[in-house]
Amino acid sequence: MANAPSGFAKREDSMKVALIFRGLLRCFEHSYPFWKAEIMDKYDTDVYFDIHSEVGFYSGKGYLQSPSDEFVKIADNDRGFHDSGELVDANKIMSLYNPKVLRIDDANMYADKYNTLAAFYPRAYTRPKHTLMQSRKARDSYHLMEDTGTSYDMVTHTRPDIVLENP
């Protein structure tokens, strides 16, 4: 078997990884043991958070309506997550993940813009507003990492509540 080209055969502990969490913060404490064991402890990892200020949990609203055409029917004024007003605890994020960058923005400042854009997609399998907001977060979080000038061997974008069962 031929040797791998230089730069491809890296040992796990020497690989530089960017782990980027983005979007609504939910269940990040529960997913932490997975990310620590499978990424942060195995690789030279920089963690980034680009999240909204309000903690978000699926509300159940909107998806409970029976769609006649298999597309999601969204209830009026449904934000897609609970309205408790619970705010992100930056200290808890810092103590667990020690991120290189932590950016927290107010999702409400984009609400009108994304509601207007979402109106162009009345037939969808998910909430169009959330899909558009996720796309913006993907772009912005990549620039957040890029702005540090650090080079990475692997970049992982994920939601804070994701855990892989068979990594």
Foldseek 3Di string as FASTA:
>chain_A
DDDDPPPPDDAQAAFEEEEEAEEADDPLVVQLVQCCVPPVVRYNYAYEYHYEFAHFDFPPAQQPDDDPVLFTGHDPPDPRGDDPRHTDDVVVCCVRPVHPYYHYHHVVVCVVVLVVVQVVPRGHNDRSSRVVVVVVGVVVRVVVVVVVVDDGPYYHYDHSNDHDPPD
